[in-house]
């Protein structure tokens, strides 16, 4: 993560960009409220170091449904804030 923060700060401080974000993509399987398995893509976007609302998560299904929630100070908070029931 330190290399990512360094890259973001370098891009911003050298005038290469006005903003830069990091995106992590995870693939997972979840069980919906009806007991059905769902393959989902979890995208976690991180803004620069020091932002109180640094992380934002969006989860999508192959069928097009998407869910997100409020951003959080940690990855854990961003994932907890996702409105997972919107995928059911």
PDB file of N, CA and C in Angstrom:
ATOM      1  N   UNK A   1       0.808  -1.203   0.000  1.00  0.00           N
ATOM      2  CA  UNK A   1       0.000   0.000   0.000  1.00  0.00           C
ATOM      3  C   UNK A   1       0.851   1.268   0.000  1.00  0.00           C
ATOM      4  N   UNK A   2       2.044   1.206   0.604  1.00  0.00           N
ATOM      5  CA  UNK A   2       2.881   2.391   0.627  1.00  0.00           C
ATOM      6  C   UNK A   2       3.278   2.829  -0.775  1.00  0.00           C
ATOM      7  N   UNK A   3       3.529   1.861  -1.669  1.00  0.00           N
ATOM      8  CA  UNK A   3       3.887   2.214  -3.042  1.00  0.00           C
ATOM      9  C   UNK A   3       2.726   2.902  -3.748  1.00  0.00           C
ATOM     10  N   UNK A   4       1.509   2.428  -3.478  1.00  0.00           N
ATOM     11  CA  UNK A   4       0.323   3.039  -4.091  1.00  0.00           C
ATOM     12  C   UNK A   4       0.174   4.479  -3.607  1.00  0.00           C
ATOM     13  N   UNK A   5       0.288   4.691  -2.285  1.00  0.00           N
ATOM     14  CA  UNK A   5       0.190   6.050  -1.748  1.00  0.00           C
ATOM     15  C   UNK A   5       1.267   6.951  -2.327  1.00  0.00           C
ATOM     16  N   UNK A   6       2.480   6.415  -2.474  1.00  0.00           N
ATOM     17  CA  UNK A   6       3.570   7.192  -3.048  1.00  0.00           C
ATOM     18  C   UNK A   6       3.267   7.562  -4.502  1.00  0.00           C
ATOM     19  N   UNK A   7       2.738   6.612  -5.258  1.00  0.00           N
ATOM     20  CA  UNK A   7       2.402   6.883  -6.659  1.00  0.00           C
ATOM     21  C   UNK A   7       1.319   7.955  -6.760  1.00  0.00           C
ATOM     22  N   UNK A   8       0.290   7.858  -5.934  1.00  0.00           N
ATOM     23  CA  UNK A   8      -0.792   8.849  -5.946  1.00  0.00           C
ATOM     24  C   UNK A   8      -0.252  10.229  -5.599  1.00  0.00           C
ATOM     25  N   UNK A   9       0.545  10.313  -4.542  1.00  0.00           N
ATOM     26  CA  UNK A   9       1.096  11.599  -4.119  1.00  0.00           C
ATOM     27  C   UNK A   9       2.044  12.174  -5.177  1.00  0.00           C
ATOM     28  N   UNK A  10       2.825  11.330  -5.828  1.00  0.00           N
ATOM     29  CA  UNK A  10       3.737  11.797  -6.881  1.00  0.00           C
ATOM     30  C   UNK A  10       2.959  12.358  -8.062  1.00  0.00           C
ATOM     31  N   UNK A  11       1.916  11.659  -8.477  1.00  0.00           N
ATOM     32  CA  UNK A  11       1.098  12.149  -9.587  1.00  0.00           C
ATOM     33  C   UNK A  11       0.500  13.514  -9.272  1.00  0.00           C
ATOM     34  N   UNK A  12       0.005  13.663  -8.050  1.00  0.00           N
ATOM     35  CA  UNK A  12      -0.616  14.935  -7.666  1.00  0.00           C
ATOM     36  C   UNK A  12       0.430  16.041  -7.473  1.00  0.00           C
ATOM     37  N   UNK A  13       1.531  15.737  -6.799  1.00  0.00           N
ATOM     38  CA  UNK A  13       2.502  16.789  -6.466  1.00  0.00           C
ATOM     39  C   UNK A  13       3.316  17.269  -7.674  1.00  0.00           C
ATOM     40  N   UNK A  14       3.463  16.443  -8.684  1.00  0.00           N
ATOM     41  CA  UNK A  14       4.230  16.841  -9.864  1.00  0.00           C
ATOM     42  C   UNK A  14       3.349  17.401 -10.973  1.00  0.00           C
ATOM     43  N   UNK A  15       2.105  17.642 -10.673  1.00  0.00           N
ATOM     44  CA  UNK A  15       1.210  18.251 -11.643  1.00  0.00           C
ATOM     45  C   UNK A  15       0.778  17.327 -12.764  1.00  0.00           C
ATOM     46  N   UNK A  16       1.037  16.035 -12.630  1.00  0.00           N
ATOM     47  CA  UNK A  16       0.641  15.080 -13.671  1.00  0.00           C
ATOM     48  C   UNK A  16      -0.881  14.918 -13.714  1.00  0.00           C
ATOM     49  N   UNK A  17      -1.480  14.948 -12.556  1.00  0.00           N
ATOM     50  CA  UNK A  17      -2.937  14.804 -12.449  1.00  0.00           C
ATOM     51  C   UNK A  17      -3.438  15.686 -11.315  1.00  0.00           C
ATOM     52  N   UNK A  18      -4.733  15.972 -11.332  1.00  0.00           N
ATOM     53  CA  UNK A  18      -5.349  16.703 -10.219  1.00  0.00           C
ATOM     54  C   UNK A  18      -5.781  15.753  -9.125  1.00  0.00           C
ATOM     55  N   UNK A  19      -6.105  14.523  -9.506  1.00  0.00           N
ATOM     56  CA  UNK A  19      -6.545  13.520  -8.536  1.00  0.00           C
ATOM     57  C   UNK A  19      -6.171  12.146  -9.057  1.00  0.00           C
ATOM     58  N   UNK A  20      -5.992  11.231  -8.153  1.00  0.00           N
ATOM     59  CA  UNK A  20      -5.702   9.843  -8.524  1.00  0.00           C
ATOM     60  C   UNK A  20      -6.342   8.943  -7.480  1.00  0.00           C
ATOM     61  N   UNK A  21      -6.907   7.839  -7.932  1.00  0.00           N
ATOM     62  CA  UNK A  21      -7.569   6.890  -7.045  1.00  0.00           C
ATOM     63  C   UNK A  21      -6.996   5.508  -7.272  1.00  0.00           C
ATOM     64  N   UNK A  22      -7.042   4.692  -6.241  1.00  0.00           N
ATOM     65  CA  UNK A  22      -6.648   3.292  -6.345  1.00  0.00           C
ATOM     66  C   UNK A  22      -7.923   2.460  -6.390  1.00  0.00           C
ATOM     67  N   UNK A  23      -7.957   1.425  -7.225  1.00  0.00           N
ATOM     68  CA  UNK A  23      -9.122   0.539  -7.290  1.00  0.00           C
ATOM     69  C   UNK A  23      -8.668  -0.903  -7.118  1.00  0.00           C
ATOM     70  N   UNK A  24      -9.315  -1.579  -6.189  1.00  0.00           N
ATOM     71  CA  UNK A  24      -9.067  -2.995  -5.940  1.00  0.00           C
ATOM     72  C   UNK A  24     -10.308  -3.752  -6.403  1.00  0.00           C
ATOM     73  N   UNK A  25     -10.118  -4.846  -7.122  1.00  0.00           N
ATOM     74  CA  UNK A  25     -11.249  -5.647  -7.596  1.00  0.00           C
ATOM     75  C   UNK A  25     -11.131  -7.049  -7.031  1.00  0.00           C
ATOM     76  N   UNK A  26     -12.197  -7.498  -6.402  1.00  0.00           N
ATOM     77  CA  UNK A  26     -12.273  -8.842  -5.828  1.00  0.00           C
ATOM     78  C   UNK A  26     -13.460  -9.570  -6.451  1.00  0.00           C
ATOM     79  N   UNK A  27     -13.328 -10.862  -6.625  1.00  0.00           N
ATOM     80  CA  UNK A  27     -14.427 -11.690  -7.109  1.00  0.00           C
ATOM     81  C   UNK A  27     -14.808 -12.615  -5.968  1.00  0.00           C
ATOM     82  N   UNK A  28     -16.113 -12.726  -5.714  1.00  0.00           N
ATOM     83  CA  UNK A  28     -16.566 -13.500  -4.555  1.00  0.00           C
ATOM     84  C   UNK A  28     -17.871 -14.224  -4.874  1.00  0.00           C
ATOM     85  N   UNK A  29     -18.215 -15.139  -3.993  1.00  0.00           N
ATOM     86  CA  UNK A  29     -19.498 -15.834  -4.069  1.00  0.00           C
ATOM     87  C   UNK A  29     -20.224 -15.555  -2.756  1.00  0.00           C
ATOM     88  N   UNK A  30     -21.477 -15.132  -2.851  1.00  0.00           N
ATOM     89  CA  UNK A  30     -22.281 -14.882  -1.662  1.00  0.00           C
ATOM     90  C   UNK A  30     -23.579 -15.657  -1.768  1.00  0.00           C
ATOM     91  N   UNK A  31     -24.249 -15.824  -0.649  1.00  0.00           N
ATOM     92  CA  UNK A  31     -25.549 -16.474  -0.619  1.00  0.00           C
ATOM     93  C   UNK A  31     -26.602 -15.406  -0.340  1.00  0.00           C
ATOM     94  N   UNK A  32     -27.614 -15.309  -1.210  1.00  0.00           N
ATOM     95  CA  UNK A  32     -28.664 -14.306  -1.001  1.00  0.00           C
ATOM     96  C   UNK A  32     -29.652 -14.789   0.056  1.00  0.00           C
ATOM     97  N   UNK A  33     -30.649 -13.962   0.352  1.00  0.00           N
ATOM     98  CA  UNK A  33     -31.610 -14.291   1.411  1.00  0.00           C
ATOM     99  C   UNK A  33     -32.480 -15.495   1.072  1.00  0.00           C
ATOM    100  N   UNK A  34     -32.526 -15.889  -0.189  1.00  0.00           N
ATOM    101  CA  UNK A  34     -33.295 -17.080  -0.597  1.00  0.00           C
ATOM    102  C   UNK A  34     -32.433 -18.339  -0.615  1.00  0.00           C
ATOM    103  N   UNK A  35     -31.166 -18.193  -0.264  1.00  0.00           N
ATOM    104  CA  UNK A  35     -30.263 -19.336  -0.239  1.00  0.00           C
ATOM    105  C   UNK A  35     -29.566 -19.617  -1.555  1.00  0.00           C
ATOM    106  N   UNK A  36     -29.720 -18.752  -2.534  1.00  0.00           N
ATOM    107  CA  UNK A  36     -29.087 -18.932  -3.843  1.00  0.00           C
ATOM    108  C   UNK A  36     -27.670 -18.352  -3.844  1.00  0.00           C
ATOM    109  N   UNK A  37     -26.764 -19.036  -4.517  1.00  0.00           N
ATOM    110  CA  UNK A  37     -25.387 -18.550  -4.660  1.00  0.00           C
ATOM    111  C   UNK A  37     -25.347 -17.464  -5.731  1.00  0.00           C
ATOM    112  N   UNK A  38     -24.588 -16.420  -5.473  1.00  0.00           N
ATOM    113  CA  UNK A  38     -24.395 -15.330  -6.422  1.00  0.00           C
ATOM    114  C   UNK A  38     -22.900 -15.081  -6.602  1.00  0.00           C
ATOM    115  N   UNK A  39     -22.475 -14.963  -7.844  1.00  0.00           N
ATOM    116  CA  UNK A  39     -21.106 -14.539  -8.132  1.00  0.00           C
ATOM    117  C   UNK A  39     -21.133 -13.019  -8.226  1.00  0.00           C
ATOM    118  N   UNK A  40     -20.289 -12.363  -7.446  1.00  0.00           N
ATOM    119  CA  UNK A  40     -20.282 -10.904  -7.419  1.00  0.00           C
ATOM    120  C   UNK A  40     -18.868 -10.371  -7.633  1.00  0.00           C
ATOM    121  N   UNK A  41     -18.822  -9.143  -8.126  1.00  0.00           N
ATOM    122  CA  UNK A  41     -17.574  -8.409  -8.262  1.00  0.00           C
ATOM    123  C   UNK A  41     -17.615  -7.271  -7.251  1.00  0.00           C
ATOM    124  N   UNK A  42     -16.584  -7.186  -6.427  1.00  0.00           N
ATOM    125  CA  UNK A  42     -16.484  -6.146  -5.404  1.00  0.00           C
ATOM    126  C   UNK A  42     -15.384  -5.182  -5.838  1.00  0.00           C
ATOM    127  N   UNK A  43     -15.752  -3.920  -6.042  1.00  0.00           N
ATOM    128  CA  UNK A  43     -14.787  -2.892  -6.425  1.00  0.00           C
ATOM    129  C   UNK A  43     -14.636  -1.928  -5.256  1.00  0.00           C
ATOM    130  N   UNK A  44     -13.424  -1.803  -4.763  1.00  0.00           N
ATOM    131  CA  UNK A  44     -13.143  -0.890  -3.657  1.00  0.00           C
ATOM    132  C   UNK A  44     -12.225   0.199  -4.190  1.00  0.00           C
ATOM    133  N   UNK A  45     -12.689   1.438  -4.109  1.00  0.00           N
ATOM    134  CA  UNK A  45     -11.921   2.579  -4.584  1.00  0.00           C
ATOM    135  C   UNK A  45     -11.387   3.332  -3.375  1.00  0.00           C
ATOM    136  N   UNK A  46     -10.124   3.705  -3.434  1.00  0.00           N
ATOM    137  CA  UNK A  46      -9.492   4.438  -2.337  1.00  0.00           C
ATOM    138  C   UNK A  46      -8.954   5.764  -2.841  1.00  0.00           C
ATOM    139  N   UNK A  47      -9.329   6.828  -2.148  1.00  0.00           N
ATOM    140  CA  UNK A  47      -8.742   8.131  -2.453  1.00  0.00           C
ATOM    141  C   UNK A  47      -7.445   8.251  -1.674  1.00  0.00           C
ATOM    142  N   UNK A  48      -6.797   9.363  -1.760  1.00  0.00           N
ATOM    143  CA  UNK A  48      -5.499   9.532  -1.121  1.00  0.00           C
ATOM    144  C   UNK A  48      -5.514   9.386   0.393  1.00  0.00           C
ATOM    145  N   UNK A  49      -4.350   9.147   0.922  1.00  0.00           N
ATOM    146  CA  UNK A  49      -4.144   8.979   2.354  1.00  0.00           C
ATOM    147  C   UNK A  49      -4.646  10.205   3.121  1.00  0.00           C
ATOM    148  N   UNK A  50      -5.290   9.968   4.261  1.00  0.00           N
ATOM    149  CA  UNK A  50      -5.731  11.061   5.109  1.00  0.00           C
ATOM    150  C   UNK A  50      -7.173  11.487   4.908  1.00  0.00           C
ATOM    151  N   UNK A  51      -7.840  10.967   3.903  1.00  0.00           N
ATOM    152  CA  UNK A  51      -9.243  11.309   3.651  1.00  0.00           C
ATOM    153  C   UNK A  51     -10.121  10.495   4.603  1.00  0.00           C
ATOM    154  N   UNK A  52     -10.990  11.163   5.385  1.00  0.00           N
ATOM    155  CA  UNK A  52     -11.859  10.460   6.346  1.00  0.00           C
ATOM    156  C   UNK A  52     -12.849   9.523   5.665  1.00  0.00           C
ATOM    157  N   UNK A  53     -13.201   9.803   4.441  1.00  0.00           N
ATOM    158  CA  UNK A  53     -14.118   8.947   3.673  1.00  0.00           C
ATOM    159  C   UNK A  53     -13.344   8.312   2.527  1.00  0.00           C
ATOM    160  N   UNK A  54     -12.202   7.744   2.854  1.00  0.00           N
ATOM    161  CA  UNK A  54     -11.243   7.277   1.849  1.00  0.00           C
ATOM    162  C   UNK A  54     -11.757   6.151   0.968  1.00  0.00           C
ATOM    163  N   UNK A  55     -12.494   5.192   1.532  1.00  0.00           N
ATOM    164  CA  UNK A  55     -12.856   3.978   0.805  1.00  0.00           C
ATOM    165  C   UNK A  55     -14.334   3.965   0.424  1.00  0.00           C
ATOM    166  N   UNK A  56     -14.598   3.497  -0.801  1.00  0.00           N
ATOM    167  CA  UNK A  56     -15.972   3.331  -1.276  1.00  0.00           C
ATOM    168  C   UNK A  56     -16.063   1.979  -1.982  1.00  0.00           C
ATOM    169  N   UNK A  57     -17.121   1.234  -1.693  1.00  0.00           N
ATOM    170  CA  UNK A  57     -17.282  -0.099  -2.290  1.00  0.00           C
ATOM    171  C   UNK A  57     -18.548  -0.158  -3.134  1.00  0.00           C
ATOM    172  N   UNK A  58     -18.429  -0.811  -4.277  1.00  0.00           N
ATOM    173  CA  UNK A  58     -19.566  -1.092  -5.157  1.00  0.00           C
ATOM    174  C   UNK A  58     -19.508  -2.581  -5.479  1.00  0.00           C
ATOM    175  N   UNK A  59     -20.629  -3.252  -5.289  1.00  0.00           N
ATOM    176  CA  UNK A  59     -20.722  -4.690  -5.559  1.00  0.00           C
ATOM    177  C   UNK A  59     -21.708  -4.890  -6.692  1.00  0.00           C
ATOM    178  N   UNK A  60     -21.351  -5.722  -7.662  1.00  0.00           N
ATOM    179  CA  UNK A  60     -22.251  -5.956  -8.791  1.00  0.00           C
ATOM    180  C   UNK A  60     -22.357  -7.447  -9.092  1.00  0.00           C
ATOM    181  N   UNK A  61     -23.508  -7.810  -9.661  1.00  0.00           N
ATOM    182  CA  UNK A  61     -23.744  -9.175 -10.114  1.00  0.00           C
ATOM    183  C   UNK A  61     -23.591  -9.217 -11.626  1.00  0.00           C
ATOM    184  N   UNK A  62     -23.433 -10.419 -12.150  1.00  0.00           N
ATOM    185  CA  UNK A  62     -23.320 -10.586 -13.603  1.00  0.00           C
ATOM    186  C   UNK A  62     -24.602 -10.168 -14.311  1.00  0.00           C
ATOM    187  N   UNK A  63     -25.724 -10.184 -13.596  1.00  0.00           N
ATOM    188  CA  UNK A  63     -27.022  -9.825 -14.184  1.00  0.00           C
ATOM    189  C   UNK A  63     -27.250  -8.318 -14.213  1.00  0.00           C
ATOM    190  N   UNK A  64     -26.306  -7.542 -13.660  1.00  0.00           N
ATOM    191  CA  UNK A  64     -26.397  -6.095 -13.745  1.00  0.00           C
ATOM    192  C   UNK A  64     -26.788  -5.381 -12.464  1.00  0.00           C
ATOM    193  N   UNK A  65     -27.332  -6.084 -11.475  1.00  0.00           N
ATOM    194  CA  UNK A  65     -27.686  -5.427 -10.230  1.00  0.00           C
ATOM    195  C   UNK A  65     -26.421  -4.908  -9.564  1.00  0.00           C
ATOM    196  N   UNK A  66     -26.554  -3.735  -8.923  1.00  0.00           N
ATOM    197  CA  UNK A  66     -25.420  -3.124  -8.236  1.00  0.00           C
ATOM    198  C   UNK A  66     -25.864  -2.654  -6.858  1.00  0.00           C
ATOM    199  N   UNK A  67     -24.931  -2.665  -5.935  1.00  0.00           N
ATOM    200  CA  UNK A  67     -25.197  -2.165  -4.587  1.00  0.00           C
ATOM    201  C   UNK A  67     -23.967  -1.407  -4.105  1.00  0.00           C
ATOM    202  N   UNK A  68     -24.215  -0.339  -3.367  1.00  0.00           N
ATOM    203  CA  UNK A  68     -23.124   0.407  -2.753  1.00  0.00           C
ATOM    204  C   UNK A  68     -23.649   0.978  -1.442  1.00  0.00           C
ATOM    205  N   UNK A  69     -22.873   1.785  -0.811  1.00  0.00           N
ATOM    206  CA  UNK A  69     -23.278   2.412   0.444  1.00  0.00           C
ATOM    207  C   UNK A  69     -22.426   3.638   0.677  1.00  0.00           C
ATOM    208  N   UNK A  70     -22.469   4.144   1.891  1.00  0.00           N
ATOM    209  CA  UNK A  70     -21.657   5.303   2.235  1.00  0.00           C
ATOM    210  C   UNK A  70     -20.177   4.925   2.238  1.00  0.00           C
ATOM    211  N   UNK A  71     -19.352   5.884   1.940  1.00  0.00           N
ATOM    212  CA  UNK A  71     -17.915   5.680   2.020  1.00  0.00           C
ATOM    213  C   UNK A  71     -17.507   5.562   3.481  1.00  0.00           C
ATOM    214  N   UNK A  72     -16.301   5.041   3.706  1.00  0.00           N
ATOM    215  CA  UNK A  72     -15.834   4.884   5.074  1.00  0.00           C
ATOM    216  C   UNK A  72     -14.361   5.170   5.219  1.00  0.00           C
ATOM    217  N   UNK A  73     -13.945   5.342   6.458  1.00  0.00           N
ATOM    218  CA  UNK A  73     -12.548   5.619   6.771  1.00  0.00           C
ATOM    219  C   UNK A  73     -11.668   4.387   6.575  1.00  0.00           C
ATOM    220  N   UNK A  74     -12.297   3.189   6.651  1.00  0.00           N
ATOM    221  CA  UNK A  74     -11.575   1.933   6.460  1.00  0.00           C
ATOM    222  C   UNK A  74     -12.285   1.092   5.404  1.00  0.00           C
ATOM    223  N   UNK A  75     -11.570   0.121   4.854  1.00  0.00           N
ATOM    224  CA  UNK A  75     -12.173  -0.812   3.901  1.00  0.00           C
ATOM    225  C   UNK A  75     -13.330  -1.548   4.591  1.00  0.00           C
ATOM    226  N   UNK A  76     -13.109  -1.950   5.831  1.00  0.00           N
ATOM    227  CA  UNK A  76     -14.141  -2.676   6.587  1.00  0.00           C
ATOM    228  C   UNK A  76     -15.432  -1.870   6.655  1.00  0.00           C
ATOM    229  N   UNK A  77     -15.351  -0.586   7.001  1.00  0.00           N
ATOM    230  CA  UNK A  77     -16.555   0.247   7.078  1.00  0.00           C
ATOM    231  C   UNK A  77     -17.228   0.388   5.721  1.00  0.00           C
ATOM    232  N   UNK A  78     -16.435   0.564   4.681  1.00  0.00           N
ATOM    233  CA  UNK A  78     -17.014   0.704   3.343  1.00  0.00           C
ATOM    234  C   UNK A  78     -17.779  -0.559   2.951  1.00  0.00           C
ATOM    235  N   UNK A  79     -17.238  -1.736   3.284  1.00  0.00           N
ATOM    236  CA  UNK A  79     -17.917  -2.994   2.941  1.00  0.00           C
ATOM    237  C   UNK A  79     -19.156  -3.215   3.805  1.00  0.00           C
ATOM    238  N   UNK A  80     -19.081  -2.880   5.078  1.00  0.00           N
ATOM    239  CA  UNK A  80     -20.246  -3.010   5.966  1.00  0.00           C
ATOM    240  C   UNK A  80     -21.382  -2.102   5.496  1.00  0.00           C
ATOM    241  N   UNK A  81     -21.039  -0.923   4.958  1.00  0.00           N
ATOM    242  CA  UNK A  81     -22.044   0.053   4.528  1.00  0.00           C
ATOM    243  C   UNK A  81     -22.750  -0.307   3.219  1.00  0.00           C
ATOM    244  N   UNK A  82     -22.249  -1.305   2.496  1.00  0.00           N
ATOM    245  CA  UNK A  82     -22.894  -1.711   1.235  1.00  0.00           C
ATOM    246  C   UNK A  82     -24.316  -2.219   1.528  1.00  0.00           C
ATOM    247  N   UNK A  83     -25.255  -1.825   0.710  1.00  0.00           N
ATOM    248  CA  UNK A  83     -26.653  -2.289   0.824  1.00  0.00           C
ATOM    249  C   UNK A  83     -26.786  -3.620   0.092  1.00  0.00           C
ATOM    250  N   UNK A  84     -26.230  -4.665   0.731  1.00  0.00           N
ATOM    251  CA  UNK A  84     -26.160  -5.998   0.127  1.00  0.00           C
ATOM    252  C   UNK A  84     -27.536  -6.521  -0.284  1.00  0.00           C
ATOM    253  N   UNK A  85     -28.580  -6.146   0.450  1.00  0.00           N
ATOM    254  CA  UNK A  85     -29.923  -6.646   0.151  1.00  0.00           C
ATOM    255  C   UNK A  85     -30.390  -6.204  -1.236  1.00  0.00           C
ATOM    256  N   UNK A  86     -29.798  -5.182  -1.801  1.00  0.00           N
ATOM    257  CA  UNK A  86     -30.170  -4.739  -3.154  1.00  0.00           C
ATOM    258  C   UNK A  86     -29.751  -5.748  -4.228  1.00  0.00           C
ATOM    259  N   UNK A  87     -28.918  -6.699  -3.852  1.00  0.00           N
ATOM    260  CA  UNK A  87     -28.488  -7.727  -4.808  1.00  0.00           C
ATOM    261  C   UNK A  87     -29.402  -8.945  -4.785  1.00  0.00           C
ATOM    262  N   UNK A  88     -30.296  -9.031  -3.808  1.00  0.00           N
ATOM    263  CA  UNK A  88     -31.189 -10.203  -3.669  1.00  0.00           C
ATOM    264  C   UNK A  88     -32.377 -10.115  -4.614  1.00  0.00           C
TER     265      UNK A  88
END
